[in-house]
N, C-alpha and C. Protein backbone atom coordinates (compact mmCIF):
# COMPACT_ATOMS: atom_id res chain seq x y z
N MET A 1 29.27 -5.70 6.07
CA MET A 1 28.70 -6.52 5.13
C MET A 1 27.60 -6.01 4.40
N PRO A 2 27.55 -7.00 3.25
CA PRO A 2 26.47 -6.60 2.27
C PRO A 2 25.21 -6.96 2.97
N ARG A 3 24.09 -6.44 2.74
CA ARG A 3 22.77 -6.92 2.96
C ARG A 3 21.95 -6.69 1.89
N VAL A 4 21.07 -7.99 2.01
CA VAL A 4 20.03 -8.15 0.81
C VAL A 4 18.41 -8.18 1.46
N ARG A 5 17.57 -7.67 1.06
CA ARG A 5 16.16 -7.94 1.57
C ARG A 5 15.28 -8.24 0.50
N ALA A 6 14.33 -9.13 0.72
CA ALA A 6 13.31 -9.28 -0.32
C ALA A 6 11.83 -9.49 0.65
N SER A 7 10.66 -9.05 0.18
CA SER A 7 9.50 -9.72 0.75
C SER A 7 8.35 -10.27 -0.22
N ARG A 8 7.53 -10.80 0.36
CA ARG A 8 6.57 -11.77 -0.61
C ARG A 8 5.37 -11.84 0.31
N GLU A 9 3.83 -11.25 -0.18
CA GLU A 9 2.81 -11.86 0.54
C GLU A 9 2.56 -13.53 0.27
N LEU A 10 2.40 -14.15 1.18
CA LEU A 10 2.12 -15.50 1.47
C LEU A 10 0.64 -15.75 1.33
N LEU A 11 0.15 -16.81 0.80
CA LEU A 11 -1.32 -17.21 0.69
C LEU A 11 -1.63 -17.99 1.85
N ALA A 12 -1.28 -17.50 3.23
CA ALA A 12 -1.49 -18.45 4.01
C ALA A 12 -1.65 -17.66 5.36
N SER A 13 -2.13 -18.11 6.49
CA SER A 13 -2.23 -17.28 7.43
C SER A 13 -0.88 -17.44 8.10
N ARG A 14 -0.35 -16.43 9.15
CA ARG A 14 0.81 -16.28 9.75
C ARG A 14 0.98 -17.80 10.59
N ASP A 15 0.25 -18.11 11.25
CA ASP A 15 0.15 -19.36 12.10
C ASP A 15 0.48 -20.66 11.10
N ASP A 16 -0.13 -20.89 10.14
CA ASP A 16 0.20 -21.76 9.24
C ASP A 16 1.40 -21.72 8.63
N VAL A 17 2.05 -20.52 8.18
CA VAL A 17 3.42 -20.29 7.79
C VAL A 17 4.45 -20.86 8.97
N TRP A 18 4.09 -20.31 9.81
CA TRP A 18 4.97 -20.58 11.17
C TRP A 18 5.09 -22.05 11.31
N ALA A 19 3.89 -22.91 11.47
CA ALA A 19 3.76 -24.23 11.65
C ALA A 19 4.97 -24.87 10.43
N PHE A 20 4.69 -24.39 9.21
CA PHE A 20 5.51 -25.05 8.11
C PHE A 20 7.01 -24.65 8.79
N ILE A 21 7.51 -23.44 8.99
CA ILE A 21 8.67 -22.87 9.13
C ILE A 21 9.26 -23.74 10.52
N ALA A 22 8.34 -23.69 11.52
CA ALA A 22 8.88 -24.38 12.82
C ALA A 22 9.50 -26.02 12.88
N GLU A 23 9.29 -26.56 11.55
CA GLU A 23 9.65 -28.06 11.36
C GLU A 23 10.90 -28.01 10.56
N PRO A 24 11.86 -28.02 11.27
CA PRO A 24 13.20 -27.95 10.82
C PRO A 24 13.55 -28.82 9.56
N ARG A 25 13.05 -29.86 9.52
CA ARG A 25 13.21 -30.65 8.00
C ARG A 25 12.49 -30.14 6.64
N HIS A 26 11.68 -28.78 6.98
CA HIS A 26 11.35 -28.16 5.82
C HIS A 26 12.10 -27.30 5.55
N PHE A 27 13.11 -26.86 6.03
CA PHE A 27 14.22 -25.74 5.56
C PHE A 27 14.52 -26.19 4.24
N ALA A 28 14.97 -27.21 4.09
CA ALA A 28 15.62 -27.73 2.85
C ALA A 28 14.68 -27.81 1.69
N ASP A 29 13.16 -27.63 2.02
CA ASP A 29 12.21 -27.53 0.73
C ASP A 29 12.36 -26.08 0.37
N TRP A 30 12.54 -25.08 1.26
CA TRP A 30 12.48 -23.57 0.62
C TRP A 30 13.73 -23.06 0.67
N TRP A 31 14.69 -23.61 1.15
CA TRP A 31 16.11 -22.58 0.92
C TRP A 31 16.84 -23.18 0.02
N PRO A 32 17.05 -22.49 -1.09
CA PRO A 32 17.86 -22.71 -2.23
C PRO A 32 19.43 -23.41 -1.94
N GLY A 33 19.88 -24.35 -2.43
CA GLY A 33 20.64 -24.95 -2.14
C GLY A 33 21.11 -25.94 -0.96
N ILE A 34 19.93 -26.21 -0.11
CA ILE A 34 20.23 -27.26 0.87
C ILE A 34 19.33 -28.23 0.61
N ALA A 35 20.01 -29.23 0.50
CA ALA A 35 19.39 -30.73 0.28
C ALA A 35 18.87 -31.43 1.28
N ALA A 36 19.30 -31.28 2.36
CA ALA A 36 18.75 -32.09 3.62
C ALA A 36 19.23 -31.24 5.10
N VAL A 37 18.51 -31.50 6.12
CA VAL A 37 18.73 -31.04 7.27
C VAL A 37 18.60 -32.03 8.48
N GLN A 38 19.36 -32.10 9.38
CA GLN A 38 19.29 -32.97 10.31
C GLN A 38 19.53 -32.10 11.75
N PRO A 39 18.24 -31.72 12.31
CA PRO A 39 18.31 -30.83 13.47
C PRO A 39 18.68 -31.55 14.57
N ASP A 40 19.18 -30.95 15.75
CA ASP A 40 19.59 -31.28 16.87
C ASP A 40 18.19 -31.67 17.68
N ARG A 41 18.59 -32.35 18.75
CA ARG A 41 17.15 -32.55 19.54
C ARG A 41 16.44 -31.29 19.92
N ARG A 42 16.80 -30.11 19.89
CA ARG A 42 15.99 -28.87 20.45
C ARG A 42 15.17 -28.53 19.42
N GLY A 43 15.30 -29.08 18.01
CA GLY A 43 14.32 -28.35 16.90
C GLY A 43 14.60 -26.83 16.88
N LEU A 44 13.57 -26.24 16.65
CA LEU A 44 13.57 -24.80 16.25
C LEU A 44 13.79 -23.96 17.84
N ALA A 45 14.82 -23.91 18.16
CA ALA A 45 15.26 -23.35 19.45
C ALA A 45 16.33 -22.57 19.36
N GLU A 46 16.49 -21.29 20.11
CA GLU A 46 17.73 -20.44 20.01
C GLU A 46 18.86 -21.36 20.72
N GLY A 47 19.93 -21.31 19.91
CA GLY A 47 20.99 -21.94 20.23
C GLY A 47 21.11 -23.35 19.55
N ALA A 48 19.93 -23.92 18.94
CA ALA A 48 20.04 -25.14 18.31
C ALA A 48 21.04 -25.11 17.03
N ARG A 49 21.65 -26.04 16.72
CA ARG A 49 22.50 -26.30 15.84
C ARG A 49 22.13 -27.36 14.98
N TRP A 50 21.86 -27.19 13.54
CA TRP A 50 21.42 -28.24 12.48
C TRP A 50 22.34 -28.61 11.69
N GLN A 51 22.54 -29.81 11.30
CA GLN A 51 23.70 -30.11 10.35
C GLN A 51 22.83 -29.96 9.07
N ILE A 52 23.48 -29.43 8.02
CA ILE A 52 23.08 -29.21 6.83
C ILE A 52 23.76 -30.02 5.67
N LEU A 53 23.18 -30.52 4.57
CA LEU A 53 23.85 -30.99 3.29
C LEU A 53 23.44 -30.27 2.39
N THR A 54 24.42 -29.32 1.67
CA THR A 54 23.98 -28.69 0.54
C THR A 54 24.14 -29.70 -0.88
N ALA A 55 23.73 -29.15 -1.81
CA ALA A 55 23.82 -29.72 -3.13
C ALA A 55 24.03 -28.82 -4.13
N ASP A 56 24.99 -27.96 -3.66
CA ASP A 56 25.44 -26.94 -4.91
C ASP A 56 26.36 -27.43 -5.90
N ARG A 57 26.47 -26.69 -6.87
CA ARG A 57 27.34 -27.22 -8.08
C ARG A 57 28.70 -26.68 -7.74
N PRO A 58 29.74 -27.47 -8.02
CA PRO A 58 31.04 -27.13 -7.59
C PRO A 58 31.69 -26.02 -8.16
N THR A 59 32.26 -25.11 -7.26
CA THR A 59 32.76 -23.95 -7.79
C THR A 59 34.53 -23.91 -7.43
N LEU A 60 35.12 -22.98 -7.65
CA LEU A 60 36.52 -23.08 -7.20
C LEU A 60 36.88 -23.10 -5.89
N LEU A 61 35.81 -22.45 -5.02
CA LEU A 61 35.89 -22.73 -3.61
C LEU A 61 35.42 -23.77 -2.84
N ARG A 62 34.40 -24.54 -3.65
CA ARG A 62 33.40 -25.26 -2.99
C ARG A 62 33.17 -26.85 -3.59
N ARG A 63 33.26 -27.76 -2.81
CA ARG A 63 33.01 -28.89 -3.64
C ARG A 63 31.59 -28.96 -3.91
N ALA A 64 31.04 -30.08 -4.81
CA ALA A 64 29.68 -30.27 -5.31
C ALA A 64 28.81 -30.47 -4.18
N THR A 65 29.02 -31.46 -3.24
CA THR A 65 28.35 -31.51 -1.97
C THR A 65 28.93 -31.45 -0.74
N THR A 66 28.55 -30.56 0.22
CA THR A 66 29.25 -30.57 1.34
C THR A 66 28.10 -30.46 2.24
N SER A 67 28.80 -30.29 3.82
CA SER A 67 27.70 -30.40 4.75
C SER A 67 28.38 -29.00 5.36
N GLY A 68 27.56 -28.48 6.25
CA GLY A 68 27.81 -27.41 7.20
C GLY A 68 26.86 -27.48 8.47
N MET A 69 26.73 -26.00 9.04
CA MET A 69 26.00 -25.90 10.24
C MET A 69 25.25 -24.72 9.90
N LEU A 70 23.65 -24.98 10.35
CA LEU A 70 22.91 -23.91 10.86
C LEU A 70 22.72 -23.64 12.27
N LEU A 71 23.19 -22.40 12.65
CA LEU A 71 22.86 -22.01 14.04
C LEU A 71 21.71 -21.27 14.19
N VAL A 72 20.60 -21.58 14.98
CA VAL A 72 19.53 -20.96 15.29
C VAL A 72 19.81 -19.82 16.29
N ARG A 73 19.74 -18.57 15.70
CA ARG A 73 20.11 -17.39 16.81
C ARG A 73 18.95 -16.73 17.27
N ALA A 74 17.56 -16.85 16.63
CA ALA A 74 16.69 -16.18 17.31
C ALA A 74 15.20 -16.76 16.75
N VAL A 75 14.46 -16.85 17.68
CA VAL A 75 13.30 -17.32 17.54
C VAL A 75 12.11 -16.59 18.41
N ARG A 76 10.88 -16.04 17.70
CA ARG A 76 9.91 -15.62 18.41
C ARG A 76 8.80 -15.94 17.54
N PRO A 77 7.98 -17.03 18.19
CA PRO A 77 6.84 -17.45 17.41
C PRO A 77 5.88 -16.49 17.41
N PRO A 78 4.90 -16.32 16.62
CA PRO A 78 4.97 -16.61 15.10
C PRO A 78 5.35 -15.93 14.14
N GLU A 79 6.40 -15.05 14.69
CA GLU A 79 7.11 -13.92 13.64
C GLU A 79 8.51 -13.72 13.48
N LEU A 80 9.03 -14.29 14.14
CA LEU A 80 10.73 -14.16 13.80
C LEU A 80 11.67 -15.68 13.96
N PHE A 81 12.12 -15.86 12.73
CA PHE A 81 13.42 -17.04 12.70
C PHE A 81 14.63 -16.39 12.25
N GLY A 82 15.78 -16.43 13.13
CA GLY A 82 16.89 -15.93 12.70
C GLY A 82 17.92 -17.13 12.80
N TRP A 83 18.68 -17.12 11.65
CA TRP A 83 19.70 -18.15 11.87
C TRP A 83 21.18 -17.87 10.97
N THR A 84 22.31 -18.53 11.12
CA THR A 84 23.54 -18.17 10.60
C THR A 84 23.71 -19.52 9.73
N LEU A 85 24.26 -19.84 8.44
CA LEU A 85 24.73 -20.56 7.77
C LEU A 85 26.50 -20.46 7.80
N THR A 86 26.93 -21.24 8.84
CA THR A 86 28.27 -21.06 9.33
C THR A 86 29.08 -21.34 8.41
N GLY A 87 28.88 -22.22 7.37
CA GLY A 87 29.89 -22.43 6.43
C GLY A 87 30.15 -21.28 5.15
N ASP A 88 29.03 -20.45 5.03
CA ASP A 88 29.02 -19.48 3.96
C ASP A 88 29.10 -18.17 4.84
N HIS A 89 29.19 -18.27 6.07
CA HIS A 89 28.97 -17.04 6.99
C HIS A 89 27.82 -16.06 6.59
N VAL A 90 26.53 -16.58 6.37
CA VAL A 90 25.37 -15.93 6.03
C VAL A 90 24.72 -15.75 7.31
N ASP A 91 24.32 -14.44 7.57
CA ASP A 91 23.31 -14.33 8.61
C ASP A 91 21.77 -14.00 7.97
N ALA A 92 20.71 -14.55 8.62
CA ALA A 92 19.35 -14.43 7.79
C ALA A 92 18.48 -14.34 8.87
N GLU A 93 17.41 -13.43 8.61
CA GLU A 93 16.37 -13.33 9.40
C GLU A 93 15.01 -13.42 8.74
N LEU A 94 13.98 -14.07 9.16
CA LEU A 94 12.75 -14.22 8.50
C LEU A 94 11.78 -13.69 9.22
N GLN A 95 11.04 -12.80 9.00
CA GLN A 95 10.11 -11.96 9.93
C GLN A 95 8.52 -12.28 9.05
N LEU A 96 7.66 -12.73 10.08
CA LEU A 96 6.50 -12.92 9.35
C LEU A 96 5.27 -12.03 9.79
N GLU A 97 4.66 -11.35 9.09
CA GLU A 97 3.57 -10.17 9.67
C GLU A 97 2.20 -10.68 9.04
N ALA A 98 1.23 -10.95 10.00
CA ALA A 98 -0.13 -11.12 9.44
C ALA A 98 -0.79 -9.91 8.67
N ARG A 99 -1.27 -10.23 7.59
CA ARG A 99 -1.75 -9.20 6.84
C ARG A 99 -3.20 -9.07 6.94
N THR A 100 -3.65 -10.32 6.79
CA THR A 100 -5.15 -10.60 6.95
C THR A 100 -5.29 -12.06 7.70
N ASP A 101 -6.31 -12.75 7.66
CA ASP A 101 -6.57 -14.06 8.20
C ASP A 101 -5.80 -14.97 7.80
N ASP A 102 -5.84 -14.79 6.28
CA ASP A 102 -5.26 -15.96 5.46
C ASP A 102 -4.07 -15.34 4.49
N ARG A 103 -3.49 -14.08 4.90
CA ARG A 103 -2.36 -13.71 4.03
C ARG A 103 -1.14 -13.18 5.20
N THR A 104 -0.08 -13.51 4.78
CA THR A 104 1.18 -13.27 5.58
C THR A 104 2.24 -12.41 4.66
N LEU A 105 2.73 -11.50 5.13
CA LEU A 105 3.84 -10.76 4.74
C LEU A 105 5.04 -11.44 5.18
N ALA A 106 6.07 -12.05 4.38
CA ALA A 106 7.18 -12.59 4.60
C ALA A 106 8.68 -11.73 4.31
N VAL A 107 9.34 -11.05 5.11
CA VAL A 107 10.36 -10.43 4.82
C VAL A 107 11.63 -11.09 5.09
N LEU A 108 12.52 -11.52 4.32
CA LEU A 108 13.81 -11.98 4.44
C LEU A 108 14.87 -11.23 4.22
N ASP A 109 16.00 -10.94 5.24
CA ASP A 109 17.16 -10.13 5.25
C ASP A 109 18.30 -11.06 5.40
N LEU A 110 19.10 -11.05 4.72
CA LEU A 110 20.17 -11.64 4.35
C LEU A 110 21.60 -10.77 4.56
N GLU A 111 22.65 -11.22 5.20
CA GLU A 111 23.95 -10.45 5.21
C GLU A 111 24.98 -11.31 5.11
N ALA A 112 26.13 -11.03 4.22
CA ALA A 112 27.02 -11.91 4.21
C ALA A 112 28.52 -11.32 3.33
N PRO A 113 29.37 -11.76 3.74
CA PRO A 113 30.60 -11.00 3.00
C PRO A 113 30.64 -11.05 1.54
N TRP A 114 31.15 -10.39 0.83
CA TRP A 114 31.07 -10.29 -0.76
C TRP A 114 31.72 -11.57 -1.09
N LEU A 115 32.79 -11.71 -0.45
CA LEU A 115 33.70 -13.06 -0.84
C LEU A 115 32.93 -14.27 -1.06
N PHE A 116 31.90 -14.31 -0.42
CA PHE A 116 30.95 -15.77 -0.41
C PHE A 116 29.91 -15.70 -1.49
N GLY A 117 30.06 -14.69 -2.32
CA GLY A 117 29.03 -14.25 -3.52
C GLY A 117 27.46 -14.31 -3.18
N LEU A 118 27.20 -13.64 -2.12
CA LEU A 118 25.96 -13.36 -1.87
C LEU A 118 24.90 -13.03 -2.87
N SER A 119 24.37 -13.72 -3.60
CA SER A 119 23.40 -13.26 -4.63
C SER A 119 22.21 -12.34 -3.92
N ARG A 120 21.99 -11.41 -4.82
CA ARG A 120 20.93 -10.62 -4.45
C ARG A 120 19.43 -11.18 -4.87
N ALA A 121 19.78 -12.25 -5.88
CA ALA A 121 18.32 -13.22 -6.05
C ALA A 121 18.06 -14.09 -4.77
N LEU A 122 18.91 -14.34 -4.17
CA LEU A 122 19.01 -15.84 -3.17
C LEU A 122 17.64 -15.36 -2.32
N PRO A 123 17.15 -14.30 -1.49
CA PRO A 123 16.14 -14.18 -0.49
C PRO A 123 14.73 -14.09 -1.59
N ARG A 124 14.89 -13.59 -2.82
CA ARG A 124 13.58 -13.75 -3.47
C ARG A 124 13.36 -15.10 -3.90
N ARG A 125 14.39 -15.91 -4.21
CA ARG A 125 14.22 -17.18 -4.63
C ARG A 125 13.67 -17.78 -3.47
N ALA A 126 14.27 -17.76 -2.38
CA ALA A 126 13.75 -18.45 -1.06
C ALA A 126 12.23 -18.11 -0.87
N LEU A 127 11.83 -16.98 -1.02
CA LEU A 127 10.41 -16.54 -0.40
C LEU A 127 9.71 -16.89 -1.80
N THR A 128 10.05 -17.00 -3.08
CA THR A 128 9.23 -17.83 -4.27
C THR A 128 8.98 -19.31 -3.73
N ARG A 129 9.92 -19.87 -3.36
CA ARG A 129 9.81 -21.32 -3.02
C ARG A 129 8.77 -21.42 -1.63
N LEU A 130 9.00 -20.65 -0.57
CA LEU A 130 8.06 -20.77 0.31
C LEU A 130 6.74 -20.48 0.06
N HIS A 131 6.49 -19.51 -0.84
CA HIS A 131 5.10 -19.15 -1.31
C HIS A 131 4.62 -20.35 -1.91
N SER A 132 5.18 -21.10 -2.75
CA SER A 132 4.43 -22.24 -3.50
C SER A 132 4.19 -23.27 -2.57
N LEU A 133 5.06 -23.36 -1.42
CA LEU A 133 4.44 -24.28 -0.51
C LEU A 133 3.55 -24.05 0.81
N CYS A 134 3.31 -22.66 0.71
CA CYS A 134 2.34 -22.31 1.80
C CYS A 134 1.10 -21.67 1.28
N GLN A 135 0.49 -22.24 0.61
CA GLN A 135 -0.82 -21.95 -0.20
C GLN A 135 -2.11 -22.86 0.72
N THR A 136 -2.84 -22.03 1.06
CA THR A 136 -3.93 -22.47 1.67
C THR A 136 -4.71 -23.16 0.70
N GLY A 137 -5.77 -24.20 1.04
CA GLY A 137 -6.28 -25.03 0.23
C GLY A 137 -7.55 -24.27 -0.51
N ALA A 138 -7.88 -23.23 -0.13
CA ALA A 138 -9.08 -22.25 -0.52
C ALA A 138 -8.37 -21.36 -1.65
N ASP A 139 -6.99 -21.25 -1.86
CA ASP A 139 -6.29 -20.78 -3.03
C ASP A 139 -5.70 -21.41 -3.85
N LEU A 140 -5.77 -22.71 -3.95
CA LEU A 140 -5.43 -23.50 -4.76
C LEU A 140 -6.36 -23.49 -6.14
């Protein structure tokens, strides 16, 4: 399966970025195409299943608004969040590396079949949105 990677330095500490990522409802804020998330009672825990609502434009293979599931595959606070978007067959992994006390390197890897139109820009767009949401007060 094709694999795409992007990285971006975030203007916040790794702990602050992780605190943002660890709240499941924030996923829709930074992941393109997701309109809402309804996490199960486990929240961000391996094996958790979150219901997601997408707000994509209609295509030949997809309705305008659909629901699906996000399966949390791996969690290692504060460094790794791995998940699968079951409807699109997308496997993703976000790694966070502390650069300094107030800087974090975020690396996002995606893997999906070509059939589902994995955009090479998707991880870059997600990290750009995450960057704008995870800035410390000193950097504003």
